[in-house]
Amino acid sequence: MQPSRLSWRDIRDKVLARDPVCRQCNNALATEVHHLDGNRRNNSPGNLLGLCAVCNTHEQWLEHDADGNPTDPTHAWNRENRW
């Protein structure tokens, strides 16, 4: 028997319950969940932060170029042999 898998909504609700205030600015209500490593499949609690909409948008802007590609050179999309 496999352990039950939580839906994204359940995971999101748990993170926002843990982080009710934005972990970036510590000033606004956290309404969004940010993946620290940029991997949307990595939903481990240590990889997720509750952020306000402004801080989450700012984080996403910093992590991607104008074309939407990750700016982190170690990101899988930026490796030469990614396939």
PDB file of N, CA and C in Angstrom:
ATOM      1  N   MET A   1       0.846  -1.185   0.000  1.00  0.00           N
ATOM      2  CA  MET A   1       0.000   0.000   0.000  1.00  0.00           C
ATOM      3  C   MET A   1       0.889   1.245   0.000  1.00  0.00           C
ATOM      4  N   GLN A   2       0.648   2.138  -0.940  1.00  0.00           N
ATOM      5  CA  GLN A   2       1.427   3.369  -1.028  1.00  0.00           C
ATOM      6  C   GLN A   2       0.881   4.414  -0.063  1.00  0.00           C
ATOM      7  N   PRO A   3       1.778   5.240   0.488  1.00  0.00           N
ATOM      8  CA  PRO A   3       1.285   6.323   1.340  1.00  0.00           C
ATOM      9  C   PRO A   3       0.465   7.309   0.505  1.00  0.00           C
ATOM     10  N   SER A   4      -0.517   7.903   1.121  1.00  0.00           N
ATOM     11  CA  SER A   4      -1.345   8.856   0.387  1.00  0.00           C
ATOM     12  C   SER A   4      -0.520  10.079   0.013  1.00  0.00           C
ATOM     13  N   ARG A   5      -0.722  10.542  -1.185  1.00  0.00           N
ATOM     14  CA  ARG A   5      -0.011  11.723  -1.658  1.00  0.00           C
ATOM     15  C   ARG A   5      -0.916  12.935  -1.473  1.00  0.00           C
ATOM     16  N   LEU A   6      -0.334  13.975  -0.929  1.00  0.00           N
ATOM     17  CA  LEU A   6      -1.102  15.200  -0.725  1.00  0.00           C
ATOM     18  C   LEU A   6      -1.240  15.951  -2.045  1.00  0.00           C
ATOM     19  N   SER A   7      -2.377  16.565  -2.242  1.00  0.00           N
ATOM     20  CA  SER A   7      -2.562  17.404  -3.412  1.00  0.00           C
ATOM     21  C   SER A   7      -1.795  18.707  -3.203  1.00  0.00           C
ATOM     22  N   TRP A   8      -1.544  19.433  -4.292  1.00  0.00           N
ATOM     23  CA  TRP A   8      -0.844  20.712  -4.171  1.00  0.00           C
ATOM     24  C   TRP A   8      -1.615  21.642  -3.238  1.00  0.00           C
ATOM     25  N   ARG A   9      -2.926  21.629  -3.326  1.00  0.00           N
ATOM     26  CA  ARG A   9      -3.740  22.504  -2.467  1.00  0.00           C
ATOM     27  C   ARG A   9      -3.497  22.189  -0.989  1.00  0.00           C
ATOM     28  N   ASP A  10      -3.413  20.893  -0.653  1.00  0.00           N
ATOM     29  CA  ASP A  10      -3.152  20.499   0.739  1.00  0.00           C
ATOM     30  C   ASP A  10      -1.756  20.937   1.181  1.00  0.00           C
ATOM     31  N   ILE A  11      -0.780  20.744   0.310  1.00  0.00           N
ATOM     32  CA  ILE A  11       0.597  21.158   0.625  1.00  0.00           C
ATOM     33  C   ILE A  11       0.643  22.666   0.821  1.00  0.00           C
ATOM     34  N   ARG A  12       0.018  23.395  -0.104  1.00  0.00           N
ATOM     35  CA  ARG A  12      -0.011  24.858  -0.034  1.00  0.00           C
ATOM     36  C   ARG A  12      -0.661  25.320   1.263  1.00  0.00           C
ATOM     37  N   ASP A  13      -1.775  24.713   1.627  1.00  0.00           N
ATOM     38  CA  ASP A  13      -2.470  25.086   2.863  1.00  0.00           C
ATOM     39  C   ASP A  13      -1.586  24.851   4.091  1.00  0.00           C
ATOM     40  N   LYS A  14      -0.844  23.745   4.099  1.00  0.00           N
ATOM     41  CA  LYS A  14       0.053  23.458   5.230  1.00  0.00           C
ATOM     42  C   LYS A  14       1.168  24.493   5.326  1.00  0.00           C
ATOM     43  N   VAL A  15       1.745  24.870   4.184  1.00  0.00           N
ATOM     44  CA  VAL A  15       2.830  25.857   4.195  1.00  0.00           C
ATOM     45  C   VAL A  15       2.303  27.209   4.663  1.00  0.00           C
ATOM     46  N   LEU A  16       1.141  27.613   4.172  1.00  0.00           N
ATOM     47  CA  LEU A  16       0.596  28.913   4.565  1.00  0.00           C
ATOM     48  C   LEU A  16       0.149  28.916   6.027  1.00  0.00           C
ATOM     49  N   ALA A  17      -0.229  27.763   6.555  1.00  0.00           N
ATOM     50  CA  ALA A  17      -0.544  27.674   7.986  1.00  0.00           C
ATOM     51  C   ALA A  17       0.742  27.791   8.805  1.00  0.00           C
ATOM     52  N   ARG A  18       1.824  27.205   8.302  1.00  0.00           N
ATOM     53  CA  ARG A  18       3.122  27.278   8.985  1.00  0.00           C
ATOM     54  C   ARG A  18       3.715  28.683   8.879  1.00  0.00           C
ATOM     55  N   ASP A  19       3.539  29.319   7.707  1.00  0.00           N
ATOM     56  CA  ASP A  19       4.096  30.651   7.435  1.00  0.00           C
ATOM     57  C   ASP A  19       2.960  31.636   7.153  1.00  0.00           C
ATOM     58  N   PRO A  20       2.216  32.068   8.162  1.00  0.00           N
ATOM     59  CA  PRO A  20       1.094  32.973   7.900  1.00  0.00           C
ATOM     60  C   PRO A  20       1.524  34.368   7.463  1.00  0.00           C
ATOM     61  N   VAL A  21       2.754  34.745   7.817  1.00  0.00           N
ATOM     62  CA  VAL A  21       3.295  36.048   7.431  1.00  0.00           C
ATOM     63  C   VAL A  21       4.435  35.795   6.451  1.00  0.00           C
ATOM     64  N   CYS A  22       4.567  36.647   5.455  1.00  0.00           N
ATOM     65  CA  CYS A  22       5.600  36.513   4.430  1.00  0.00           C
ATOM     66  C   CYS A  22       6.979  36.321   5.061  1.00  0.00           C
ATOM     67  N   ARG A  23       7.671  35.278   4.660  1.00  0.00           N
ATOM     68  CA  ARG A  23       8.993  34.976   5.207  1.00  0.00           C
ATOM     69  C   ARG A  23      10.073  35.883   4.629  1.00  0.00           C
ATOM     70  N   GLN A  24       9.751  36.640   3.588  1.00  0.00           N
ATOM     71  CA  GLN A  24      10.729  37.543   2.977  1.00  0.00           C
ATOM     72  C   GLN A  24      10.682  38.931   3.624  1.00  0.00           C
ATOM     73  N   CYS A  25       9.508  39.545   3.620  1.00  0.00           N
ATOM     74  CA  CYS A  25       9.395  40.912   4.134  1.00  0.00           C
ATOM     75  C   CYS A  25       8.917  40.949   5.592  1.00  0.00           C
ATOM     76  N   ASN A  26       8.358  39.861   6.073  1.00  0.00           N
ATOM     77  CA  ASN A  26       7.825  39.785   7.442  1.00  0.00           C
ATOM     78  C   ASN A  26       6.815  40.884   7.744  1.00  0.00           C
ATOM     79  N   ASN A  27       6.126  41.316   6.718  1.00  0.00           N
ATOM     80  CA  ASN A  27       5.226  42.452   6.884  1.00  0.00           C
ATOM     81  C   ASN A  27       3.814  42.184   6.368  1.00  0.00           C
ATOM     82  N   ALA A  28       3.689  41.334   5.371  1.00  0.00           N
ATOM     83  CA  ALA A  28       2.393  41.113   4.722  1.00  0.00           C
ATOM     84  C   ALA A  28       1.937  39.671   4.927  1.00  0.00           C
ATOM     85  N   LEU A  29       0.667  39.448   4.713  1.00  0.00           N
ATOM     86  CA  LEU A  29       0.099  38.120   4.799  1.00  0.00           C
ATOM     87  C   LEU A  29       0.667  37.249   3.685  1.00  0.00           C
ATOM     88  N   ALA A  30       1.124  36.046   4.023  1.00  0.00           N
ATOM     89  CA  ALA A  30       1.623  35.108   3.014  1.00  0.00           C
ATOM     90  C   ALA A  30       0.423  34.514   2.284  1.00  0.00           C
ATOM     91  N   THR A  31       0.420  34.640   0.973  1.00  0.00           N
ATOM     92  CA  THR A  31      -0.682  34.127   0.156  1.00  0.00           C
ATOM     93  C   THR A  31      -0.193  33.183  -0.935  1.00  0.00           C
ATOM     94  N   GLU A  32       1.127  33.075  -1.111  1.00  0.00           N
ATOM     95  CA  GLU A  32       1.698  32.247  -2.162  1.00  0.00           C
ATOM     96  C   GLU A  32       2.825  31.400  -1.601  1.00  0.00           C
ATOM     97  N   VAL A  33       3.113  30.299  -2.277  1.00  0.00           N
ATOM     98  CA  VAL A  33       4.179  29.393  -1.835  1.00  0.00           C
ATOM     99  C   VAL A  33       5.284  29.400  -2.876  1.00  0.00           C
ATOM    100  N   HIS A  34       6.499  29.626  -2.407  1.00  0.00           N
ATOM    101  CA  HIS A  34       7.680  29.714  -3.266  1.00  0.00           C
ATOM    102  C   HIS A  34       8.549  28.474  -3.086  1.00  0.00           C
ATOM    103  N   HIS A  35       9.010  27.890  -4.206  1.00  0.00           N
ATOM    104  CA  HIS A  35       9.940  26.760  -4.185  1.00  0.00           C
ATOM    105  C   HIS A  35      11.358  27.326  -4.199  1.00  0.00           C
ATOM    106  N   LEU A  36      12.094  27.114  -3.138  1.00  0.00           N
ATOM    107  CA  LEU A  36      13.437  27.684  -3.022  1.00  0.00           C
ATOM    108  C   LEU A  36      14.366  27.222  -4.140  1.00  0.00           C
ATOM    109  N   ASP A  37      14.278  25.950  -4.512  1.00  0.00           N
ATOM    110  CA  ASP A  37      15.180  25.437  -5.542  1.00  0.00           C
ATOM    111  C   ASP A  37      14.624  25.598  -6.950  1.00  0.00           C
ATOM    112  N   GLY A  38      13.439  26.194  -7.086  1.00  0.00           N
ATOM    113  CA  GLY A  38      12.845  26.413  -8.402  1.00  0.00           C
ATOM    114  C   GLY A  38      12.205  25.176  -9.009  1.00  0.00           C
ATOM    115  N   ASN A  39      12.256  24.054  -8.318  1.00  0.00           N
ATOM    116  CA  ASN A  39      11.704  22.807  -8.825  1.00  0.00           C
ATOM    117  C   ASN A  39      10.294  22.626  -8.271  1.00  0.00           C
ATOM    118  N   ARG A  40       9.309  22.779  -9.115  1.00  0.00           N
ATOM    119  CA  ARG A  40       7.911  22.687  -8.681  1.00  0.00           C
ATOM    120  C   ARG A  40       7.529  21.292  -8.194  1.00  0.00           C
ATOM    121  N   ARG A  41       8.338  20.308  -8.509  1.00  0.00           N
ATOM    122  CA  ARG A  41       8.048  18.941  -8.050  1.00  0.00           C
ATOM    123  C   ARG A  41       8.629  18.659  -6.667  1.00  0.00           C
ATOM    124  N   ASN A  42       9.549  19.505  -6.223  1.00  0.00           N
ATOM    125  CA  ASN A  42      10.157  19.304  -4.916  1.00  0.00           C
ATOM    126  C   ASN A  42       9.311  20.023  -3.864  1.00  0.00           C
ATOM    127  N   ASN A  43       8.360  19.300  -3.319  1.00  0.00           N
ATOM    128  CA  ASN A  43       7.431  19.878  -2.354  1.00  0.00           C
ATOM    129  C   ASN A  43       7.783  19.515  -0.914  1.00  0.00           C
ATOM    130  N   SER A  44       9.060  19.251  -0.659  1.00  0.00           N
ATOM    131  CA  SER A  44       9.465  18.972   0.716  1.00  0.00           C
ATOM    132  C   SER A  44       9.322  20.261   1.528  1.00  0.00           C
ATOM    133  N   PRO A  45       8.919  20.158   2.785  1.00  0.00           N
ATOM    134  CA  PRO A  45       8.653  21.346   3.599  1.00  0.00           C
ATOM    135  C   PRO A  45       9.829  22.335   3.649  1.00  0.00           C
ATOM    136  N   GLY A  46      11.054  21.832   3.660  1.00  0.00           N
ATOM    137  CA  GLY A  46      12.213  22.716   3.722  1.00  0.00           C
ATOM    138  C   GLY A  46      12.472  23.485   2.448  1.00  0.00           C
ATOM    139  N   ASN A  47      11.818  23.100   1.356  1.00  0.00           N
ATOM    140  CA  ASN A  47      11.991  23.773   0.074  1.00  0.00           C
ATOM    141  C   ASN A  47      10.899  24.800  -0.189  1.00  0.00           C
ATOM    142  N   LEU A  48       9.928  24.899   0.703  1.00  0.00           N
ATOM    143  CA  LEU A  48       8.769  25.762   0.466  1.00  0.00           C
ATOM    144  C   LEU A  48       8.691  26.890   1.484  1.00  0.00           C
ATOM    145  N   LEU A  49       8.399  28.090   0.985  1.00  0.00           N
ATOM    146  CA  LEU A  49       8.248  29.263   1.844  1.00  0.00           C
ATOM    147  C   LEU A  49       6.937  29.955   1.533  1.00  0.00           C
ATOM    148  N   GLY A  50       6.259  30.413   2.562  1.00  0.00           N
ATOM    149  CA  GLY A  50       5.087  31.247   2.368  1.00  0.00           C
ATOM    150  C   GLY A  50       5.534  32.688   2.134  1.00  0.00           C
ATOM    151  N   LEU A  51       5.105  33.251   1.020  1.00  0.00           N
ATOM    152  CA  LEU A  51       5.459  34.634   0.668  1.00  0.00           C
ATOM    153  C   LEU A  51       4.204  35.416   0.308  1.00  0.00           C
ATOM    154  N   CYS A  52       4.302  36.732   0.425  1.00  0.00           N
ATOM    155  CA  CYS A  52       3.225  37.587  -0.072  1.00  0.00           C
ATOM    156  C   CYS A  52       3.359  37.657  -1.599  1.00  0.00           C
ATOM    157  N   ALA A  53       2.349  38.133  -2.264  1.00  0.00           N
ATOM    158  CA  ALA A  53       2.357  38.179  -3.729  1.00  0.00           C
ATOM    159  C   ALA A  53       3.498  39.045  -4.264  1.00  0.00           C
ATOM    160  N   VAL A  54       3.771  40.161  -3.613  1.00  0.00           N
ATOM    161  CA  VAL A  54       4.838  41.061  -4.080  1.00  0.00           C
ATOM    162  C   VAL A  54       6.200  40.383  -3.988  1.00  0.00           C
ATOM    163  N   CYS A  55       6.498  39.764  -2.851  1.00  0.00           N
ATOM    164  CA  CYS A  55       7.792  39.103  -2.674  1.00  0.00           C
ATOM    165  C   CYS A  55       7.934  37.894  -3.587  1.00  0.00           C
ATOM    166  N   ASN A  56       6.847  37.141  -3.796  1.00  0.00           N
ATOM    167  CA  ASN A  56       6.916  35.996  -4.686  1.00  0.00           C
ATOM    168  C   ASN A  56       7.190  36.428  -6.120  1.00  0.00           C
ATOM    169  N   THR A  57       6.529  37.487  -6.562  1.00  0.00           N
ATOM    170  CA  THR A  57       6.772  38.010  -7.907  1.00  0.00           C
ATOM    171  C   THR A  57       8.215  38.474  -8.033  1.00  0.00           C
ATOM    172  N   HIS A  58       8.713  39.150  -7.016  1.00  0.00           N
ATOM    173  CA  HIS A  58      10.099  39.627  -7.022  1.00  0.00           C
ATOM    174  C   HIS A  58      11.071  38.452  -7.099  1.00  0.00           C
ATOM    175  N   GLU A  59      10.841  37.405  -6.331  1.00  0.00           N
ATOM    176  CA  GLU A  59      11.704  36.220  -6.364  1.00  0.00           C
ATOM    177  C   GLU A  59      11.691  35.583  -7.744  1.00  0.00           C
ATOM    178  N   GLN A  60      10.528  35.454  -8.346  1.00  0.00           N
ATOM    179  CA  GLN A  60      10.443  34.851  -9.679  1.00  0.00           C
ATOM    180  C   GLN A  60      11.150  35.726 -10.710  1.00  0.00           C
ATOM    181  N   TRP A  61      11.036  37.026 -10.575  1.00  0.00           N
ATOM    182  CA  TRP A  61      11.698  37.957 -11.487  1.00  0.00           C
ATOM    183  C   TRP A  61      13.214  37.810 -11.382  1.00  0.00           C
ATOM    184  N   LEU A  62      13.735  37.670 -10.162  1.00  0.00           N
ATOM    185  CA  LEU A  62      15.173  37.521  -9.962  1.00  0.00           C
ATOM    186  C   LEU A  62      15.708  36.196 -10.504  1.00  0.00           C
ATOM    187  N   GLU A  63      14.868  35.175 -10.499  1.00  0.00           N
ATOM    188  CA  GLU A  63      15.313  33.836 -10.873  1.00  0.00           C
ATOM    189  C   GLU A  63      15.211  33.544 -12.369  1.00  0.00           C
ATOM    190  N   HIS A  64      14.616  34.444 -13.157  1.00  0.00           N
ATOM    191  CA  HIS A  64      14.419  34.187 -14.583  1.00  0.00           C
ATOM    192  C   HIS A  64      14.790  35.411 -15.406  1.00  0.00           C
ATOM    193  N   ASP A  65      15.279  35.166 -16.633  1.00  0.00           N
ATOM    194  CA  ASP A  65      15.613  36.275 -17.517  1.00  0.00           C
ATOM    195  C   ASP A  65      14.354  36.744 -18.259  1.00  0.00           C
ATOM    196  N   ALA A  66      14.526  37.681 -19.185  1.00  0.00           N
ATOM    197  CA  ALA A  66      13.383  38.263 -19.891  1.00  0.00           C
ATOM    198  C   ALA A  66      12.620  37.228 -20.723  1.00  0.00           C
ATOM    199  N   ASP A  67      13.297  36.141 -21.107  1.00  0.00           N
ATOM    200  CA  ASP A  67      12.648  35.091 -21.892  1.00  0.00           C
ATOM    201  C   ASP A  67      12.016  34.013 -21.022  1.00  0.00           C
ATOM    202  N   GLY A  68      12.127  34.153 -19.695  1.00  0.00           N
ATOM    203  CA  GLY A  68      11.555  33.166 -18.792  1.00  0.00           C
ATOM    204  C   GLY A  68      12.473  32.014 -18.462  1.00  0.00           C
ATOM    205  N   ASN A  69      13.737  32.103 -18.897  1.00  0.00           N
ATOM    206  CA  ASN A  69      14.698  31.040 -18.614  1.00  0.00           C
ATOM    207  C   ASN A  69      15.371  31.278 -17.269  1.00  0.00           C
ATOM    208  N   PRO A  70      15.671  30.211 -16.521  1.00  0.00           N
ATOM    209  CA  PRO A  70      16.323  30.365 -15.220  1.00  0.00           C
ATOM    210  C   PRO A  70      17.694  31.024 -15.355  1.00  0.00           C
ATOM    211  N   THR A  71      17.999  31.936 -14.446  1.00  0.00           N
ATOM    212  CA  THR A  71      19.300  32.607 -14.468  1.00  0.00           C
ATOM    213  C   THR A  71      20.368  31.830 -13.717  1.00  0.00           C
ATOM    214  N   ASP A  72      19.972  30.854 -12.923  1.00  0.00           N
ATOM    215  CA  ASP A  72      20.919  30.038 -12.169  1.00  0.00           C
ATOM    216  C   ASP A  72      21.671  29.111 -13.125  1.00  0.00           C
ATOM    217  N   PRO A  73      23.004  29.246 -13.235  1.00  0.00           N
ATOM    218  CA  PRO A  73      23.750  28.406 -14.180  1.00  0.00           C
ATOM    219  C   PRO A  73      23.709  26.923 -13.834  1.00  0.00           C
ATOM    220  N   THR A  74      23.385  26.578 -12.596  1.00  0.00           N
ATOM    221  CA  THR A  74      23.322  25.165 -12.218  1.00  0.00           C
ATOM    222  C   THR A  74      21.946  24.557 -12.462  1.00  0.00           C
ATOM    223  N   HIS A  75      20.973  25.377 -12.846  1.00  0.00           N
ATOM    224  CA  HIS A  75      19.632  24.869 -13.124  1.00  0.00           C
ATOM    225  C   HIS A  75      19.700  23.906 -14.312  1.00  0.00           C
ATOM    226  N   ALA A  76      18.901  22.853 -14.275  1.00  0.00           N
ATOM    227  CA  ALA A  76      18.917  21.819 -15.317  1.00  0.00           C
ATOM    228  C   ALA A  76      18.736  22.394 -16.718  1.00  0.00           C
ATOM    229  N   TRP A  77      17.951  23.432 -16.857  1.00  0.00           N
ATOM    230  CA  TRP A  77      17.729  24.006 -18.180  1.00  0.00           C
ATOM    231  C   TRP A  77      18.979  24.662 -18.742  1.00  0.00           C
ATOM    232  N   ASN A  78      19.930  25.008 -17.883  1.00  0.00           N
ATOM    233  CA  ASN A  78      21.136  25.705 -18.326  1.00  0.00           C
ATOM    234  C   ASN A  78      22.335  24.776 -18.491  1.00  0.00           C
ATOM    235  N   ARG A  79      22.163  23.495 -18.278  1.00  0.00           N
ATOM    236  CA  ARG A  79      23.258  22.557 -18.453  1.00  0.00           C
ATOM    237  C   ARG A  79      23.353  22.155 -19.916  1.00  0.00           C
ATOM    238  N   GLU A  80      24.572  21.965 -20.394  1.00  0.00           N
ATOM    239  CA  GLU A  80      24.768  21.609 -21.804  1.00  0.00           C
ATOM    240  C   GLU A  80      24.131  20.275 -22.160  1.00  0.00           C
ATOM    241  N   ASN A  81      24.296  19.281 -21.319  1.00  0.00           N
ATOM    242  CA  ASN A  81      23.774  17.942 -21.614  1.00  0.00           C
ATOM    243  C   ASN A  81      22.523  17.665 -20.796  1.00  0.00           C
ATOM    244  N   ARG A  82      21.543  18.498 -20.962  1.00  0.00           N
ATOM    245  CA  ARG A  82      20.344  18.357 -20.140  1.00  0.00           C
ATOM    246  C   ARG A  82      19.437  17.243 -20.609  1.00  0.00           C
ATOM    247  N   TRP A  83      19.596  16.752 -21.807  1.00  0.00           N
ATOM    248  CA  TRP A  83      18.731  15.694 -22.294  1.00  0.00           C
ATOM    249  C   TRP A  83      19.464  14.425 -22.194  1.00  0.00           C
TER     250      TRP A  83
END
